[in-house]
Protein backbone atom coordinates (compact mmCIF):
# COMPACT_ATOMS: atom_id res chain seq x y z
CA UNK A 1 0.00 0.00 0.00
CA UNK A 2 2.76 2.45 0.92
CA UNK A 3 4.62 1.59 -2.29
CA UNK A 4 1.50 2.41 -4.36
CA UNK A 5 1.10 5.71 -2.55
CA UNK A 6 4.75 6.66 -3.07
CA UNK A 7 4.57 5.66 -6.75
CA UNK A 8 1.46 7.79 -7.17
CA UNK A 9 3.07 10.80 -5.48
CA UNK A 10 6.21 10.40 -7.55
CA UNK A 11 4.19 10.24 -10.78
CA UNK A 12 2.31 13.39 -9.74
CA UNK A 13 5.59 15.18 -9.03
CA UNK A 14 6.92 14.24 -12.46
CA UNK A 15 3.78 15.55 -14.18
CA UNK A 16 4.00 18.78 -12.19
CA UNK A 17 7.67 19.25 -13.06
CA UNK A 18 6.94 18.51 -16.74
CA UNK A 19 4.25 21.21 -16.68
CA UNK A 20 6.63 23.71 -15.11
CA UNK A 21 9.27 22.92 -17.72
CA UNK A 22 6.73 23.26 -20.56
CA UNK A 23 5.64 26.67 -19.27
CA UNK A 24 9.27 27.81 -18.91
CA UNK A 25 8.70 29.58 -15.58
CA UNK A 26 11.34 30.43 -13.00
CA UNK A 27 10.96 30.97 -9.30
CA UNK A 28 13.09 32.41 -6.53
CA UNK A 29 11.23 30.27 -4.00
CA UNK A 30 9.39 27.02 -3.66
CA UNK A 31 7.21 26.45 -6.69
CA UNK A 32 3.76 25.36 -5.61
CA UNK A 33 0.56 24.88 -7.55
CA UNK A 34 -0.73 28.22 -6.26
CA UNK A 35 2.47 29.99 -7.28
CA UNK A 36 2.31 28.37 -10.70
CA UNK A 37 -1.23 29.73 -11.18
CA UNK A 38 0.05 33.24 -10.46
CA UNK A 39 2.92 32.76 -12.95
CA UNK A 40 0.65 31.45 -15.69
CA UNK A 41 -1.56 34.52 -15.26
CA UNK A 42 1.51 36.76 -15.73
CA UNK A 43 2.58 37.37 -12.15
CA UNK A 44 5.82 36.79 -10.29
CA UNK A 45 7.05 35.92 -6.79
CA UNK A 46 6.16 39.35 -5.38
CA UNK A 47 2.62 39.16 -6.78
CA UNK A 48 2.31 35.68 -5.29
CA UNK A 49 3.41 37.00 -1.90
CA UNK A 50 0.68 39.63 -1.98
CA UNK A 51 -1.97 37.18 -3.19
CA UNK A 52 -0.95 34.60 -0.58
CA UNK A 53 -1.23 37.23 2.18
CA UNK A 54 -4.69 38.23 0.91
CA UNK A 55 -6.03 34.81 1.89
CA UNK A 56 -7.77 34.27 -1.45
CA UNK A 57 -6.26 30.78 -1.88
CA UNK A 58 -7.43 29.81 1.60
CA UNK A 59 -10.90 31.21 0.88
CA UNK A 60 -11.03 29.14 -2.30
CA UNK A 61 -9.86 26.01 -0.48
CA UNK A 62 -12.57 26.57 2.13
CA UNK A 63 -15.16 27.11 -0.64
CA UNK A 64 -15.76 30.67 0.53
CA UNK A 65 -15.00 32.03 -2.94
CA UNK A 66 -15.54 30.70 -6.44
CA UNK A 67 -12.93 29.75 -9.02
CA UNK A 68 -13.83 32.78 -11.14
CA UNK A 69 -13.45 35.09 -8.11
CA UNK A 70 -10.07 33.54 -7.35
CA UNK A 71 -8.83 34.11 -10.90
CA UNK A 72 -10.29 37.62 -10.99
CA UNK A 73 -8.54 38.55 -7.73
CA UNK A 74 -5.22 37.22 -9.00
CA UNK A 75 -5.56 39.09 -12.30
CA UNK A 76 -6.48 42.29 -10.48
CA UNK A 77 -3.42 42.04 -8.24
CA UNK A 78 -1.16 41.47 -11.24
CA UNK A 79 -2.73 44.25 -13.35
CA UNK A 80 -2.43 46.71 -10.45
CA UNK A 81 1.07 45.45 -9.68
CA UNK A 82 0.22 44.74 -6.05
CA UNK A 83 3.35 43.14 -4.61
CA UNK A 84 4.83 41.89 -1.38
CA UNK A 85 3.21 41.26 1.95
CA UNK A 86 0.03 43.14 2.75
CA UNK A 87 0.76 45.88 5.22
CA UNK A 88 -1.52 45.80 8.20
CA UNK A 89 -1.49 48.15 11.10
CA UNK A 90 -3.25 48.30 14.39
CA UNK A 91 -3.97 51.37 16.40
CA UNK A 92 -4.49 51.32 20.10
CA UNK A 93 -6.21 54.07 22.03
PDB file of N, CA and C in Angstrom:
ATOM      1  N   UNK A   1       0.821  -1.196   0.000  1.00  0.00           N
ATOM      2  CA  UNK A   1       0.000   0.000   0.000  1.00  0.00           C
ATOM      3  C   UNK A   1       0.863   1.257   0.000  1.00  0.00           C
ATOM      4  N   UNK A   2       1.877   1.298   0.852  1.00  0.00           N
ATOM      5  CA  UNK A   2       2.760   2.455   0.922  1.00  0.00           C
ATOM      6  C   UNK A   2       3.500   2.631  -0.399  1.00  0.00           C
ATOM      7  N   UNK A   3       3.919   1.523  -0.999  1.00  0.00           N
ATOM      8  CA  UNK A   3       4.616   1.587  -2.289  1.00  0.00           C
ATOM      9  C   UNK A   3       3.723   2.221  -3.355  1.00  0.00           C
ATOM     10  N   UNK A   4       2.446   1.840  -3.388  1.00  0.00           N
ATOM     11  CA  UNK A   4       1.503   2.405  -4.356  1.00  0.00           C
ATOM     12  C   UNK A   4       1.355   3.910  -4.141  1.00  0.00           C
ATOM     13  N   UNK A   5       1.242   4.301  -2.878  1.00  0.00           N
ATOM     14  CA  UNK A   5       1.102   5.713  -2.553  1.00  0.00           C
ATOM     15  C   UNK A   5       2.335   6.493  -2.991  1.00  0.00           C
ATOM     16  N   UNK A   6       3.510   5.985  -2.676  1.00  0.00           N
ATOM     17  CA  UNK A   6       4.746   6.663  -3.072  1.00  0.00           C
ATOM     18  C   UNK A   6       4.874   6.735  -4.586  1.00  0.00           C
ATOM     19  N   UNK A   7       4.521   5.647  -5.279  1.00  0.00           N
ATOM     20  CA  UNK A   7       4.570   5.663  -6.746  1.00  0.00           C
ATOM     21  C   UNK A   7       3.623   6.716  -7.313  1.00  0.00           C
ATOM     22  N   UNK A   8       2.439   6.809  -6.726  1.00  0.00           N
ATOM     23  CA  UNK A   8       1.462   7.792  -7.175  1.00  0.00           C
ATOM     24  C   UNK A   8       1.967   9.214  -6.959  1.00  0.00           C
ATOM     25  N   UNK A   9       2.525   9.466  -5.780  1.00  0.00           N
ATOM     26  CA  UNK A   9       3.066  10.798  -5.480  1.00  0.00           C
ATOM     27  C   UNK A   9       4.230  11.141  -6.397  1.00  0.00           C
ATOM     28  N   UNK A  10       5.078  10.168  -6.662  1.00  0.00           N
ATOM     29  CA  UNK A  10       6.213  10.399  -7.554  1.00  0.00           C
ATOM     30  C   UNK A  10       5.735  10.711  -8.970  1.00  0.00           C
ATOM     31  N   UNK A  11       4.735   9.986  -9.444  1.00  0.00           N
ATOM     32  CA  UNK A  11       4.188  10.237 -10.778  1.00  0.00           C
ATOM     33  C   UNK A  11       3.577  11.638 -10.858  1.00  0.00           C
ATOM     34  N   UNK A  12       2.888  12.047  -9.793  1.00  0.00           N
ATOM     35  CA  UNK A  12       2.308  13.388  -9.742  1.00  0.00           C
ATOM     36  C   UNK A  12       3.404  14.449  -9.801  1.00  0.00           C
ATOM     37  N   UNK A  13       4.468  14.237  -9.036  1.00  0.00           N
ATOM     38  CA  UNK A  13       5.585  15.178  -9.029  1.00  0.00           C
ATOM     39  C   UNK A  13       6.192  15.309 -10.415  1.00  0.00           C
ATOM     40  N   UNK A  14       6.353  14.202 -11.113  1.00  0.00           N
ATOM     41  CA  UNK A  14       6.922  14.244 -12.461  1.00  0.00           C
ATOM     42  C   UNK A  14       6.022  15.027 -13.412  1.00  0.00           C
ATOM     43  N   UNK A  15       4.718  14.816 -13.335  1.00  0.00           N
ATOM     44  CA  UNK A  15       3.784  15.553 -14.183  1.00  0.00           C
ATOM     45  C   UNK A  15       3.849  17.044 -13.881  1.00  0.00           C
ATOM     46  N   UNK A  16       3.917  17.377 -12.591  1.00  0.00           N
ATOM     47  CA  UNK A  16       4.001  18.776 -12.187  1.00  0.00           C
ATOM     48  C   UNK A  16       5.277  19.411 -12.720  1.00  0.00           C
ATOM     49  N   UNK A  17       6.392  18.726 -12.573  1.00  0.00           N
ATOM     50  CA  UNK A  17       7.669  19.250 -13.063  1.00  0.00           C
ATOM     51  C   UNK A  17       7.673  19.368 -14.579  1.00  0.00           C
ATOM     52  N   UNK A  18       7.060  18.422 -15.280  1.00  0.00           N
ATOM     53  CA  UNK A  18       6.940  18.509 -16.736  1.00  0.00           C
ATOM     54  C   UNK A  18       6.138  19.741 -17.137  1.00  0.00           C
ATOM     55  N   UNK A  19       5.068  20.030 -16.401  1.00  0.00           N
ATOM     56  CA  UNK A  19       4.247  21.212 -16.682  1.00  0.00           C
ATOM     57  C   UNK A  19       5.051  22.484 -16.478  1.00  0.00           C
ATOM     58  N   UNK A  20       5.803  22.536 -15.407  1.00  0.00           N
ATOM     59  CA  UNK A  20       6.632  23.708 -15.115  1.00  0.00           C
ATOM     60  C   UNK A  20       7.640  23.912 -16.237  1.00  0.00           C
ATOM     61  N   UNK A  21       8.277  22.834 -16.649  1.00  0.00           N
ATOM     62  CA  UNK A  21       9.270  22.916 -17.720  1.00  0.00           C
ATOM     63  C   UNK A  21       8.620  23.403 -19.016  1.00  0.00           C
ATOM     64  N   UNK A  22       7.437  22.881 -19.331  1.00  0.00           N
ATOM     65  CA  UNK A  22       6.734  23.262 -20.558  1.00  0.00           C
ATOM     66  C   UNK A  22       6.348  24.739 -20.550  1.00  0.00           C
ATOM     67  N   UNK A  23       6.028  25.267 -19.377  1.00  0.00           N
ATOM     68  CA  UNK A  23       5.644  26.674 -19.268  1.00  0.00           C
ATOM     69  C   UNK A  23       6.844  27.610 -19.188  1.00  0.00           C
ATOM     70  N   UNK A  24       8.035  27.036 -18.977  1.00  0.00           N
ATOM     71  CA  UNK A  24       9.272  27.807 -18.910  1.00  0.00           C
ATOM     72  C   UNK A  24       9.187  28.932 -17.871  1.00  0.00           C
ATOM     73  N   UNK A  25       8.775  28.592 -16.650  1.00  0.00           N
ATOM     74  CA  UNK A  25       8.698  29.575 -15.576  1.00  0.00           C
ATOM     75  C   UNK A  25       9.864  29.383 -14.618  1.00  0.00           C
ATOM     76  N   UNK A  26      10.265  30.473 -13.981  1.00  0.00           N
ATOM     77  CA  UNK A  26      11.337  30.428 -13.001  1.00  0.00           C
ATOM     78  C   UNK A  26      10.800  30.958 -11.690  1.00  0.00           C
ATOM     79  N   UNK A  27      11.401  30.525 -10.612  1.00  0.00           N
ATOM     80  CA  UNK A  27      10.960  30.968  -9.295  1.00  0.00           C
ATOM     81  C   UNK A  27      12.153  31.157  -8.383  1.00  0.00           C
ATOM     82  N   UNK A  28      12.065  32.192  -7.547  1.00  0.00           N
ATOM     83  CA  UNK A  28      13.090  32.407  -6.527  1.00  0.00           C
ATOM     84  C   UNK A  28      12.816  31.549  -5.298  1.00  0.00           C
ATOM     85  N   UNK A  29      11.609  31.033  -5.185  1.00  0.00           N
ATOM     86  CA  UNK A  29      11.230  30.271  -4.004  1.00  0.00           C
ATOM     87  C   UNK A  29      10.655  28.931  -4.390  1.00  0.00           C
ATOM     88  N   UNK A  30      10.017  28.314  -3.439  1.00  0.00           N
ATOM     89  CA  UNK A  30       9.392  27.018  -3.657  1.00  0.00           C
ATOM     90  C   UNK A  30       8.247  27.176  -4.644  1.00  0.00           C
ATOM     91  N   UNK A  31       8.255  26.381  -5.689  1.00  0.00           N
ATOM     92  CA  UNK A  31       7.206  26.451  -6.691  1.00  0.00           C
ATOM     93  C   UNK A  31       6.068  25.530  -6.296  1.00  0.00           C
ATOM     94  N   UNK A  32       4.940  26.118  -5.992  1.00  0.00           N
ATOM     95  CA  UNK A  32       3.759  25.361  -5.606  1.00  0.00           C
ATOM     96  C   UNK A  32       2.706  25.519  -6.686  1.00  0.00           C
ATOM     97  N   UNK A  33       1.652  24.748  -6.589  1.00  0.00           N
ATOM     98  CA  UNK A  33       0.563  24.878  -7.545  1.00  0.00           C
ATOM     99  C   UNK A  33      -0.027  26.274  -7.545  1.00  0.00           C
ATOM    100  N   UNK A  34      -0.185  26.858  -6.353  1.00  0.00           N
ATOM    101  CA  UNK A  34      -0.726  28.215  -6.257  1.00  0.00           C
ATOM    102  C   UNK A  34       0.206  29.221  -6.925  1.00  0.00           C
ATOM    103  N   UNK A  35       1.490  29.073  -6.682  1.00  0.00           N
ATOM    104  CA  UNK A  35       2.468  29.991  -7.277  1.00  0.00           C
ATOM    105  C   UNK A  35       2.461  29.841  -8.798  1.00  0.00           C
ATOM    106  N   UNK A  36       2.335  28.621  -9.269  1.00  0.00           N
ATOM    107  CA  UNK A  36       2.306  28.369 -10.704  1.00  0.00           C
ATOM    108  C   UNK A  36       1.093  29.052 -11.345  1.00  0.00           C
ATOM    109  N   UNK A  37      -0.051  29.038 -10.672  1.00  0.00           N
ATOM    110  CA  UNK A  37      -1.235  29.729 -11.179  1.00  0.00           C
ATOM    111  C   UNK A  37      -0.948  31.215 -11.359  1.00  0.00           C
ATOM    112  N   UNK A  38      -0.302  31.821 -10.376  1.00  0.00           N
ATOM    113  CA  UNK A  38       0.046  33.243 -10.460  1.00  0.00           C
ATOM    114  C   UNK A  38       0.982  33.479 -11.636  1.00  0.00           C
ATOM    115  N   UNK A  39       1.977  32.620 -11.836  1.00  0.00           N
ATOM    116  CA  UNK A  39       2.923  32.763 -12.950  1.00  0.00           C
ATOM    117  C   UNK A  39       2.217  32.646 -14.289  1.00  0.00           C
ATOM    118  N   UNK A  40       1.342  31.663 -14.419  1.00  0.00           N
ATOM    119  CA  UNK A  40       0.645  31.448 -15.688  1.00  0.00           C
ATOM    120  C   UNK A  40      -0.222  32.658 -16.034  1.00  0.00           C
ATOM    121  N   UNK A  41      -0.746  33.328 -15.031  1.00  0.00           N
ATOM    122  CA  UNK A  41      -1.559  34.519 -15.261  1.00  0.00           C
ATOM    123  C   UNK A  41      -0.705  35.777 -15.443  1.00  0.00           C
ATOM    124  N   UNK A  42       0.617  35.631 -15.447  1.00  0.00           N
ATOM    125  CA  UNK A  42       1.509  36.755 -15.732  1.00  0.00           C
ATOM    126  C   UNK A  42       2.174  37.382 -14.531  1.00  0.00           C
ATOM    127  N   UNK A  43       1.988  36.808 -13.362  1.00  0.00           N
ATOM    128  CA  UNK A  43       2.578  37.368 -12.146  1.00  0.00           C
ATOM    129  C   UNK A  43       3.949  36.816 -11.851  1.00  0.00           C
ATOM    130  N   UNK A  44       4.496  37.234 -10.723  1.00  0.00           N
ATOM    131  CA  UNK A  44       5.815  36.790 -10.289  1.00  0.00           C
ATOM    132  C   UNK A  44       5.786  36.500  -8.786  1.00  0.00           C
ATOM    133  N   UNK A  45       6.966  36.258  -8.216  1.00  0.00           N
ATOM    134  CA  UNK A  45       7.046  35.916  -6.791  1.00  0.00           C
ATOM    135  C   UNK A  45       6.452  36.996  -5.889  1.00  0.00           C
ATOM    136  N   UNK A  46       6.671  38.254  -6.220  1.00  0.00           N
ATOM    137  CA  UNK A  46       6.161  39.349  -5.385  1.00  0.00           C
ATOM    138  C   UNK A  46       4.643  39.438  -5.467  1.00  0.00           C
ATOM    139  N   UNK A  47       4.082  39.208  -6.657  1.00  0.00           N
ATOM    140  CA  UNK A  47       2.622  39.162  -6.777  1.00  0.00           C
ATOM    141  C   UNK A  47       2.075  37.992  -5.956  1.00  0.00           C
ATOM    142  N   UNK A  48       2.748  36.851  -6.047  1.00  0.00           N
ATOM    143  CA  UNK A  48       2.313  35.679  -5.289  1.00  0.00           C
ATOM    144  C   UNK A  48       2.304  35.981  -3.797  1.00  0.00           C
ATOM    145  N   UNK A  49       3.327  36.670  -3.333  1.00  0.00           N
ATOM    146  CA  UNK A  49       3.415  36.998  -1.904  1.00  0.00           C
ATOM    147  C   UNK A  49       2.201  37.827  -1.469  1.00  0.00           C
ATOM    148  N   UNK A  50       1.845  38.801  -2.288  1.00  0.00           N
ATOM    149  CA  UNK A  50       0.680  39.632  -1.979  1.00  0.00           C
ATOM    150  C   UNK A  50      -0.602  38.787  -1.986  1.00  0.00           C
ATOM    151  N   UNK A  51      -0.765  37.991  -3.037  1.00  0.00           N
ATOM    152  CA  UNK A  51      -1.971  37.178  -3.186  1.00  0.00           C
ATOM    153  C   UNK A  51      -2.081  36.165  -2.048  1.00  0.00           C
ATOM    154  N   UNK A  52      -0.957  35.565  -1.685  1.00  0.00           N
ATOM    155  CA  UNK A  52      -0.948  34.604  -0.575  1.00  0.00           C
ATOM    156  C   UNK A  52      -1.384  35.289   0.722  1.00  0.00           C
ATOM    157  N   UNK A  53      -0.865  36.484   0.974  1.00  0.00           N
ATOM    158  CA  UNK A  53      -1.234  37.229   2.183  1.00  0.00           C
ATOM    159  C   UNK A  53      -2.707  37.634   2.182  1.00  0.00           C
ATOM    160  N   UNK A  54      -3.288  37.798   1.003  1.00  0.00           N
ATOM    161  CA  UNK A  54      -4.686  38.226   0.914  1.00  0.00           C
ATOM    162  C   UNK A  54      -5.643  37.149   1.410  1.00  0.00           C
ATOM    163  N   UNK A  55      -5.188  35.899   1.423  1.00  0.00           N
ATOM    164  CA  UNK A  55      -6.027  34.812   1.891  1.00  0.00           C
ATOM    165  C   UNK A  55      -6.962  34.244   0.842  1.00  0.00           C
ATOM    166  N   UNK A  56      -6.840  34.704  -0.407  1.00  0.00           N
ATOM    167  CA  UNK A  56      -7.770  34.268  -1.447  1.00  0.00           C
ATOM    168  C   UNK A  56      -7.648  32.768  -1.739  1.00  0.00           C
ATOM    169  N   UNK A  57      -6.422  32.225  -1.666  1.00  0.00           N
ATOM    170  CA  UNK A  57      -6.264  30.784  -1.884  1.00  0.00           C
ATOM    171  C   UNK A  57      -6.933  29.992  -0.759  1.00  0.00           C
ATOM    172  N   UNK A  58      -6.813  30.471   0.458  1.00  0.00           N
ATOM    173  CA  UNK A  58      -7.434  29.805   1.597  1.00  0.00           C
ATOM    174  C   UNK A  58      -8.954  29.887   1.488  1.00  0.00           C
ATOM    175  N   UNK A  59      -9.457  31.056   1.072  1.00  0.00           N
ATOM    176  CA  UNK A  59     -10.898  31.209   0.880  1.00  0.00           C
ATOM    177  C   UNK A  59     -11.402  30.234  -0.177  1.00  0.00           C
ATOM    178  N   UNK A  60     -10.640  30.076  -1.252  1.00  0.00           N
ATOM    179  CA  UNK A  60     -11.033  29.138  -2.305  1.00  0.00           C
ATOM    180  C   UNK A  60     -11.005  27.702  -1.774  1.00  0.00           C
ATOM    181  N   UNK A  61      -9.971  27.354  -1.041  1.00  0.00           N
ATOM    182  CA  UNK A  61      -9.856  26.007  -0.480  1.00  0.00           C
ATOM    183  C   UNK A  61     -11.009  25.704   0.474  1.00  0.00           C
ATOM    184  N   UNK A  62     -11.459  26.727   1.190  1.00  0.00           N
ATOM    185  CA  UNK A  62     -12.565  26.569   2.134  1.00  0.00           C
ATOM    186  C   UNK A  62     -13.933  26.777   1.481  1.00  0.00           C
ATOM    187  N   UNK A  63     -13.928  26.920   0.152  1.00  0.00           N
ATOM    188  CA  UNK A  63     -15.160  27.107  -0.638  1.00  0.00           C
ATOM    189  C   UNK A  63     -15.910  28.367  -0.234  1.00  0.00           C
ATOM    190  N   UNK A  64     -15.153  29.388   0.174  1.00  0.00           N
ATOM    191  CA  UNK A  64     -15.756  30.674   0.530  1.00  0.00           C
ATOM    192  C   UNK A  64     -15.737  31.628  -0.651  1.00  0.00           C
ATOM    193  N   UNK A  65     -15.052  31.241  -1.719  1.00  0.00           N
ATOM    194  CA  UNK A  65     -14.998  32.034  -2.940  1.00  0.00           C
ATOM    195  C   UNK A  65     -15.004  31.075  -4.128  1.00  0.00           C
ATOM    196  N   UNK A  66     -15.447  31.553  -5.254  1.00  0.00           N
ATOM    197  CA  UNK A  66     -15.542  30.701  -6.444  1.00  0.00           C
ATOM    198  C   UNK A  66     -14.227  30.724  -7.229  1.00  0.00           C
ATOM    199  N   UNK A  67     -14.115  29.804  -8.157  1.00  0.00           N
ATOM    200  CA  UNK A  67     -12.933  29.749  -9.023  1.00  0.00           C
ATOM    201  C   UNK A  67     -12.797  31.050  -9.817  1.00  0.00           C
ATOM    202  N   UNK A  68     -13.903  31.549 -10.348  1.00  0.00           N
ATOM    203  CA  UNK A  68     -13.835  32.784 -11.144  1.00  0.00           C
ATOM    204  C   UNK A  68     -13.417  33.973 -10.280  1.00  0.00           C
ATOM    205  N   UNK A  69     -13.870  34.019  -9.019  1.00  0.00           N
ATOM    206  CA  UNK A  69     -13.455  35.093  -8.110  1.00  0.00           C
ATOM    207  C   UNK A  69     -11.972  34.991  -7.787  1.00  0.00           C
ATOM    208  N   UNK A  70     -11.492  33.765  -7.608  1.00  0.00           N
ATOM    209  CA  UNK A  70     -10.066  33.541  -7.348  1.00  0.00           C
ATOM    210  C   UNK A  70      -9.235  34.074  -8.503  1.00  0.00           C
ATOM    211  N   UNK A  71      -9.585  33.685  -9.713  1.00  0.00           N
ATOM    212  CA  UNK A  71      -8.832  34.112 -10.895  1.00  0.00           C
ATOM    213  C   UNK A  71      -8.932  35.622 -11.075  1.00  0.00           C
ATOM    214  N   UNK A  72     -10.106  36.175 -10.868  1.00  0.00           N
ATOM    215  CA  UNK A  72     -10.293  37.623 -10.987  1.00  0.00           C
ATOM    216  C   UNK A  72      -9.419  38.381  -9.997  1.00  0.00           C
ATOM    217  N   UNK A  73      -9.365  37.903  -8.763  1.00  0.00           N
ATOM    218  CA  UNK A  73      -8.543  38.549  -7.730  1.00  0.00           C
ATOM    219  C   UNK A  73      -7.068  38.495  -8.099  1.00  0.00           C
ATOM    220  N   UNK A  74      -6.613  37.357  -8.594  1.00  0.00           N
ATOM    221  CA  UNK A  74      -5.216  37.218  -8.999  1.00  0.00           C
ATOM    222  C   UNK A  74      -4.909  38.163 -10.148  1.00  0.00           C
ATOM    223  N   UNK A  75      -5.769  38.191 -11.151  1.00  0.00           N
ATOM    224  CA  UNK A  75      -5.561  39.087 -12.304  1.00  0.00           C
ATOM    225  C   UNK A  75      -5.534  40.554 -11.868  1.00  0.00           C
ATOM    226  N   UNK A  76      -6.425  40.913 -10.969  1.00  0.00           N
ATOM    227  CA  UNK A  76      -6.479  42.288 -10.481  1.00  0.00           C
ATOM    228  C   UNK A  76      -5.177  42.668  -9.776  1.00  0.00           C
ATOM    229  N   UNK A  77      -4.670  41.778  -8.951  1.00  0.00           N
ATOM    230  CA  UNK A  77      -3.419  42.044  -8.238  1.00  0.00           C
ATOM    231  C   UNK A  77      -2.261  42.210  -9.223  1.00  0.00           C
ATOM    232  N   UNK A  78      -2.231  41.384 -10.256  1.00  0.00           N
ATOM    233  CA  UNK A  78      -1.159  41.469 -11.245  1.00  0.00           C
ATOM    234  C   UNK A  78      -1.290  42.746 -12.062  1.00  0.00           C
ATOM    235  N   UNK A  79      -2.503  43.041 -12.539  1.00  0.00           N
ATOM    236  CA  UNK A  79      -2.734  44.245 -13.346  1.00  0.00           C
ATOM    237  C   UNK A  79      -2.402  45.514 -12.577  1.00  0.00           C
ATOM    238  N   UNK A  80      -2.705  45.538 -11.273  1.00  0.00           N
ATOM    239  CA  UNK A  80      -2.428  46.715 -10.448  1.00  0.00           C
ATOM    240  C   UNK A  80      -1.028  46.689  -9.842  1.00  0.00           C
ATOM    241  N   UNK A  81      -0.301  45.622 -10.154  1.00  0.00           N
ATOM    242  CA  UNK A  81       1.074  45.451  -9.682  1.00  0.00           C
ATOM    243  C   UNK A  81       1.172  45.494  -8.164  1.00  0.00           C
ATOM    244  N   UNK A  82       0.195  44.844  -7.506  1.00  0.00           N
ATOM    245  CA  UNK A  82       0.224  44.741  -6.048  1.00  0.00           C
ATOM    246  C   UNK A  82       1.236  43.671  -5.691  1.00  0.00           C
ATOM    247  N   UNK A  83       2.246  44.045  -4.903  1.00  0.00           N
ATOM    248  CA  UNK A  83       3.353  43.141  -4.605  1.00  0.00           C
ATOM    249  C   UNK A  83       3.664  43.099  -3.124  1.00  0.00           C
ATOM    250  N   UNK A  84       4.314  42.023  -2.740  1.00  0.00           N
ATOM    251  CA  UNK A  84       4.827  41.886  -1.385  1.00  0.00           C
ATOM    252  C   UNK A  84       3.747  41.620  -0.360  1.00  0.00           C
ATOM    253  N   UNK A  85       4.174  41.531   0.888  1.00  0.00           N
ATOM    254  CA  UNK A  85       3.213  41.257   1.951  1.00  0.00           C
ATOM    255  C   UNK A  85       2.239  42.421   2.119  1.00  0.00           C
ATOM    256  N   UNK A  86       1.034  42.108   2.509  1.00  0.00           N
ATOM    257  CA  UNK A  86       0.030  43.137   2.746  1.00  0.00           C
ATOM    258  C   UNK A  86       0.356  43.807   4.068  1.00  0.00           C
ATOM    259  N   UNK A  87       0.440  45.109   4.020  1.00  0.00           N
ATOM    260  CA  UNK A  87       0.760  45.877   5.220  1.00  0.00           C
ATOM    261  C   UNK A  87      -0.495  46.032   6.063  1.00  0.00           C
ATOM    262  N   UNK A  88      -0.413  45.620   7.273  1.00  0.00           N
ATOM    263  CA  UNK A  88      -1.521  45.802   8.198  1.00  0.00           C
ATOM    264  C   UNK A  88      -1.019  46.611   9.382  1.00  0.00           C
ATOM    265  N   UNK A  89      -1.886  47.384   9.920  1.00  0.00           N
ATOM    266  CA  UNK A  89      -1.491  48.151  11.101  1.00  0.00           C
ATOM    267  C   UNK A  89      -2.625  48.136  12.103  1.00  0.00           C
ATOM    268  N   UNK A  90      -2.254  48.259  13.316  1.00  0.00           N
ATOM    269  CA  UNK A  90      -3.252  48.298  14.393  1.00  0.00           C
ATOM    270  C   UNK A  90      -3.013  49.556  15.204  1.00  0.00           C
ATOM    271  N   UNK A  91      -4.090  50.192  15.547  1.00  0.00           N
ATOM    272  CA  UNK A  91      -3.969  51.374  16.400  1.00  0.00           C
ATOM    273  C   UNK A  91      -4.641  51.090  17.727  1.00  0.00           C
ATOM    274  N   UNK A  92      -3.978  51.514  18.753  1.00  0.00           N
ATOM    275  CA  UNK A  92      -4.494  51.319  20.103  1.00  0.00           C
ATOM    276  C   UNK A  92      -4.779  52.673  20.714  1.00  0.00           C
ATOM    277  N   UNK A  93      -5.894  52.782  21.407  1.00  0.00           N
ATOM    278  CA  UNK A  93      -6.207  54.074  22.028  1.00  0.00           C
ATOM    279  C   UNK A  93      -6.181  53.964  23.515  1.00  0.00           C
TER     280      UNK A  93
END
